[in-house]
Amino acid sequence: MSEQMEVTENTVPELSFTAKVVGLFSNPQAVFENIRLYPSWGLPVLLAIIAAMSFSYFTQDLMLAFQKEAIYESTMIPEEYKDTAIEKMEEKSDTQRNLESFGGSIVNIFLVYLIGAGAFLLFGNFFLGGQASFKQVFSMFSWAGLIGIMEILVKLPMVLAKGSLHVYTSLAVLLDPADYKTVLFQLLNAIDVFTIWKIIVWAIGMSAIYRFSIKKGYMTSLTLYGMYLAVTIGISQIF
């Protein structure tokens, strides 16, 4: 039986890049089953980096204003150092800011993808007793990251039109944006159209990569997202 399955799998051709992109939105199960056989991550990671760089480039002025506001409101930075910190930020040229934001985008994408894929691998292999390689899980997480690119494509025009980074596609729209630091706001912001989409895609990806039931896939993605949410909200409340 195993030999027959191996022969059948080896006769399945690898999907093209275009087919994977289209399939991720129309038939993600088939895409992730193909990725299990032919794991790849280069192109989706490159697209994620380009999208993050583009967002940083077009919102650099808004980001600078947001960082200044964060410094002024911070209780961790002594008052006598706040003006100095802001002056140093303002002294940087546009080229310096772009290089820093572009470098930060690259590092951030790789860190998020490595940590995210590592968490899914740990949960799938050790807690649920599955068997998958890091390359397979990292590939799944990277292709699922295309949902994040869609989020940027939707939110960037909204940010530029509003002239503010405070744009939301979540239940946070029910609250005043000025309350963005509160626990309630962050919890409602977690119930987001794109976040729900990612959780669904992660669940399908895990069930395909590990050949788990879809129930196990949802349990994994919901558990890990819940842990991530608890950590990020906890850190934000401390600092």
Protein backbone atom coordinates (compact mmCIF):
# COMPACT_ATOMS: atom_id res chain seq x y z
CA MET A 1 0.00 0.00 0.00
CA SER A 2 2.78 2.46 0.95
CA GLU A 3 4.67 1.70 -2.29
CA GLN A 4 1.51 2.32 -4.31
CA MET A 5 0.93 5.61 -2.49
CA GLU A 6 4.55 6.68 -3.11
CA VAL A 7 4.27 5.90 -6.82
CA THR A 8 1.00 7.83 -7.05
CA GLU A 9 2.48 10.84 -5.25
CA ASN A 10 5.58 10.86 -7.42
CA THR A 11 3.41 11.08 -10.53
CA VAL A 12 1.73 14.27 -9.27
CA PRO A 13 3.38 17.24 -11.01
CA GLU A 14 4.44 20.32 -9.08
CA LEU A 15 2.02 23.21 -9.45
CA SER A 16 3.31 26.35 -11.14
CA PHE A 17 3.68 29.56 -9.17
CA THR A 18 0.56 31.01 -10.79
CA ALA A 19 -1.43 27.86 -10.07
CA LYS A 20 -0.40 27.99 -6.41
CA VAL A 21 -1.36 31.65 -6.07
CA VAL A 22 -4.75 31.14 -7.69
CA GLY A 23 -5.31 27.87 -5.84
CA LEU A 24 -4.50 29.40 -2.47
CA PHE A 25 -7.66 31.49 -2.80
CA SER A 26 -9.81 28.93 -4.62
CA ASN A 27 -8.61 25.50 -3.44
CA PRO A 28 -5.99 25.82 -0.67
CA GLN A 29 -6.25 22.14 0.28
CA ALA A 30 -4.92 21.07 -3.13
CA VAL A 31 -2.16 23.68 -3.03
CA PHE A 32 -0.89 22.61 0.39
CA GLU A 33 -1.03 18.93 -0.55
CA ASN A 34 1.19 19.81 -3.51
CA ILE A 35 3.49 21.83 -1.27
CA ARG A 36 3.85 18.82 1.01
CA LEU A 37 5.36 16.96 -1.96
CA TYR A 38 7.26 19.94 -3.38
CA PRO A 39 8.01 22.36 -0.54
CA SER A 40 9.13 25.81 -1.73
CA TRP A 41 9.20 29.19 -0.06
CA GLY A 42 11.46 31.58 -2.02
CA LEU A 43 8.88 33.44 -4.12
CA PRO A 44 6.19 33.91 -1.44
CA VAL A 45 8.81 35.20 1.02
CA LEU A 46 10.17 37.58 -1.63
CA LEU A 47 6.66 38.90 -2.31
CA ALA A 48 6.07 39.38 1.41
CA ILE A 49 9.30 41.37 1.71
CA ILE A 50 8.40 43.55 -1.29
CA ALA A 51 4.93 44.20 0.15
CA ALA A 52 6.37 45.10 3.57
CA MET A 53 8.95 47.40 1.98
CA SER A 54 6.27 49.11 -0.10
CA PHE A 55 4.12 49.71 2.96
CA SER A 56 7.11 51.15 4.84
CA TYR A 57 8.05 53.41 1.92
CA PHE A 58 4.60 54.91 1.39
CA THR A 59 3.86 55.35 5.09
CA GLN A 60 7.25 56.55 6.37
CA ASP A 61 5.97 60.02 7.31
CA LEU A 62 3.00 58.56 9.15
CA MET A 63 5.27 56.06 10.86
CA LEU A 64 7.62 58.83 11.98
CA ALA A 65 4.71 60.77 13.49
CA PHE A 66 3.48 57.60 15.21
CA GLN A 67 6.94 56.92 16.66
CA LYS A 68 7.19 60.49 17.98
CA GLU A 69 3.80 60.12 19.64
CA ALA A 70 4.87 56.82 21.17
CA ILE A 71 8.01 58.42 22.61
CA TYR A 72 6.10 61.34 24.13
CA GLU A 73 3.53 59.00 25.68
CA SER A 74 6.06 56.44 26.90
CA THR A 75 6.49 56.00 30.63
CA MET A 76 9.66 53.93 30.12
CA ILE A 77 11.71 56.79 28.64
CA PRO A 78 12.82 59.54 31.06
CA GLU A 79 11.34 62.93 30.19
CA GLU A 80 14.76 64.54 29.77
CA TYR A 81 15.67 62.07 27.00
CA LYS A 82 12.49 62.28 24.95
CA ASP A 83 13.34 65.48 23.04
CA THR A 84 16.84 64.17 22.32
CA ALA A 85 15.47 60.89 20.98
CA ILE A 86 13.05 62.70 18.69
CA GLU A 87 15.77 65.09 17.46
CA LYS A 88 17.95 62.13 16.49
CA MET A 89 15.03 60.64 14.54
CA GLU A 90 14.42 63.91 12.70
CA GLU A 91 18.11 64.33 11.83
CA LYS A 92 18.09 61.18 9.72
CA SER A 93 17.87 61.64 5.96
CA ASP A 94 15.14 60.02 3.86
CA THR A 95 17.75 57.60 2.53
CA GLN A 96 18.72 56.54 6.06
CA ARG A 97 15.09 56.07 7.04
CA ASN A 98 14.38 54.02 3.91
CA LEU A 99 17.42 51.80 4.43
CA GLU A 100 16.47 51.21 8.06
CA SER A 101 12.83 50.48 7.25
CA PHE A 102 13.75 48.22 4.31
CA GLY A 103 16.28 46.34 6.42
CA GLY A 104 13.74 46.09 9.22
CA SER A 105 11.15 44.70 6.80
CA ILE A 106 13.51 41.94 5.67
CA VAL A 107 14.52 40.99 9.20
CA ASN A 108 10.92 41.17 10.44
CA ILE A 109 9.56 38.92 7.69
CA PHE A 110 12.20 36.25 8.26
CA LEU A 111 11.81 36.39 12.04
CA VAL A 112 8.02 36.16 11.88
CA TYR A 113 8.12 33.31 9.35
CA LEU A 114 10.83 31.38 11.20
CA ILE A 115 9.12 31.73 14.59
CA GLY A 116 5.67 31.04 13.15
CA ALA A 117 6.76 27.97 11.21
CA GLY A 118 8.79 26.76 14.20
CA ALA A 119 5.73 27.01 16.45
CA PHE A 120 3.58 25.04 14.00
CA LEU A 121 6.32 22.44 13.59
CA LEU A 122 6.74 22.06 17.36
CA PHE A 123 2.99 21.71 17.88
CA GLY A 124 2.51 19.32 14.95
CA ASN A 125 5.51 17.07 15.51
CA PHE A 126 5.78 16.94 19.28
CA PHE A 127 2.35 17.67 20.73
CA LEU A 128 0.20 16.04 18.07
CA GLY A 129 2.63 13.27 17.10
CA GLY A 130 2.79 14.13 13.41
CA GLN A 131 5.75 13.95 11.07
CA ALA A 132 6.80 16.81 8.82
CA SER A 133 10.05 18.54 7.96
CA PHE A 134 10.78 22.16 8.79
CA LYS A 135 10.96 22.92 5.06
CA GLN A 136 7.42 21.60 4.54
CA VAL A 137 5.98 23.61 7.43
CA PHE A 138 7.98 26.73 6.55
CA SER A 139 6.70 26.46 2.98
CA MET A 140 3.13 26.15 4.22
CA PHE A 141 3.53 29.20 6.45
CA SER A 142 5.20 31.19 3.65
CA TRP A 143 2.44 30.52 1.12
CA ALA A 144 -0.21 31.27 3.75
CA GLY A 145 1.59 34.60 4.11
CA LEU A 146 0.07 35.69 0.80
CA ILE A 147 -3.04 36.50 2.85
CA GLY A 148 -0.94 39.10 4.63
CA ILE A 149 0.01 40.61 1.27
CA MET A 150 -3.68 40.90 0.44
CA GLU A 151 -4.15 42.68 3.76
CA ILE A 152 -1.48 45.24 2.81
CA LEU A 153 -3.05 45.77 -0.62
CA VAL A 154 -6.38 46.53 1.05
CA LYS A 155 -5.14 48.60 3.99
CA LEU A 156 -2.43 50.71 2.32
CA PRO A 157 -4.90 52.76 0.22
CA MET A 158 -7.05 53.17 3.35
CA VAL A 159 -4.06 54.42 5.35
CA LEU A 160 -3.03 56.89 2.66
CA ALA A 161 -6.58 58.16 2.16
CA LYS A 162 -7.13 58.63 5.90
CA GLY A 163 -3.63 59.94 6.59
CA SER A 164 -3.39 57.68 9.63
CA LEU A 165 -2.07 54.25 10.54
CA HIS A 166 -5.25 53.65 12.56
CA VAL A 167 -7.30 51.77 9.96
CA TYR A 168 -9.02 48.54 10.87
CA THR A 169 -10.87 45.66 9.24
CA SER A 170 -11.83 44.21 12.59
CA LEU A 171 -14.37 44.70 15.35
CA ALA A 172 -12.09 47.45 16.64
CA VAL A 173 -14.02 49.81 14.33
CA LEU A 174 -16.69 49.79 17.04
CA LEU A 175 -14.35 51.64 19.41
CA ASP A 176 -12.55 54.98 19.42
CA PRO A 177 -9.09 54.62 17.74
CA ALA A 178 -7.66 56.65 20.63
CA ASP A 179 -8.26 53.58 22.82
CA TYR A 180 -5.95 51.39 20.72
CA LYS A 181 -3.74 50.62 23.74
CA THR A 182 -6.54 49.09 25.83
CA VAL A 183 -6.98 45.34 26.23
CA LEU A 184 -10.57 45.49 24.94
CA PHE A 185 -9.49 47.30 21.79
CA GLN A 186 -6.71 44.79 21.11
CA LEU A 187 -9.02 41.84 21.69
CA LEU A 188 -11.62 43.23 19.29
CA ASN A 189 -8.88 44.05 16.80
CA ALA A 190 -7.90 40.38 16.87
CA ILE A 191 -11.29 39.52 15.38
CA ASP A 192 -10.22 40.70 11.97
CA VAL A 193 -11.28 39.61 8.48
CA PHE A 194 -7.71 38.83 7.44
CA THR A 195 -6.82 37.17 10.74
CA ILE A 196 -9.80 34.82 10.45
CA TRP A 197 -8.77 34.11 6.85
CA LYS A 198 -5.21 33.28 7.97
CA ILE A 199 -6.45 30.96 10.72
CA ILE A 200 -8.58 29.06 8.21
CA VAL A 201 -5.70 28.78 5.74
CA TRP A 202 -3.26 27.67 8.47
CA ALA A 203 -5.75 25.00 9.55
CA ILE A 204 -6.11 23.70 6.00
CA GLY A 205 -2.32 23.85 5.55
CA MET A 206 -1.65 21.85 8.70
CA SER A 207 -4.22 19.21 7.80
CA ALA A 208 -2.61 18.83 4.35
CA ILE A 209 1.04 18.86 5.43
CA TYR A 210 0.52 16.49 8.36
CA ARG A 211 -2.48 14.63 6.95
CA PHE A 212 -4.34 15.55 10.10
CA SER A 213 -8.07 15.95 10.31
CA ILE A 214 -9.27 19.48 9.65
CA LYS A 215 -10.38 19.54 13.31
CA LYS A 216 -6.75 19.09 14.40
CA GLY A 217 -5.74 21.76 11.93
CA TYR A 218 -8.15 24.28 13.46
CA MET A 219 -7.14 23.29 16.98
CA THR A 220 -3.50 23.97 16.11
CA SER A 221 -4.00 27.31 14.39
CA LEU A 222 -6.46 28.62 17.01
CA THR A 223 -4.26 27.51 19.91
CA LEU A 224 -1.11 29.07 18.49
CA TYR A 225 -2.86 32.29 17.54
CA GLY A 226 -4.38 32.48 21.02
CA MET A 227 -0.92 32.09 22.56
CA TYR A 228 0.50 34.76 20.25
CA LEU A 229 -2.34 37.12 21.14
CA ALA A 230 -1.85 36.60 24.89
CA VAL A 231 1.89 37.32 24.62
CA THR A 232 1.54 40.42 22.43
CA ILE A 233 -1.25 41.96 24.51
CA GLY A 234 0.67 41.18 27.70
CA ILE A 235 3.83 42.85 26.40
CA SER A 236 1.91 45.90 25.15
CA GLN A 237 0.30 46.37 28.56
CA ILE A 238 3.66 46.13 30.33
CA PHE A 239 5.46 48.58 28.06
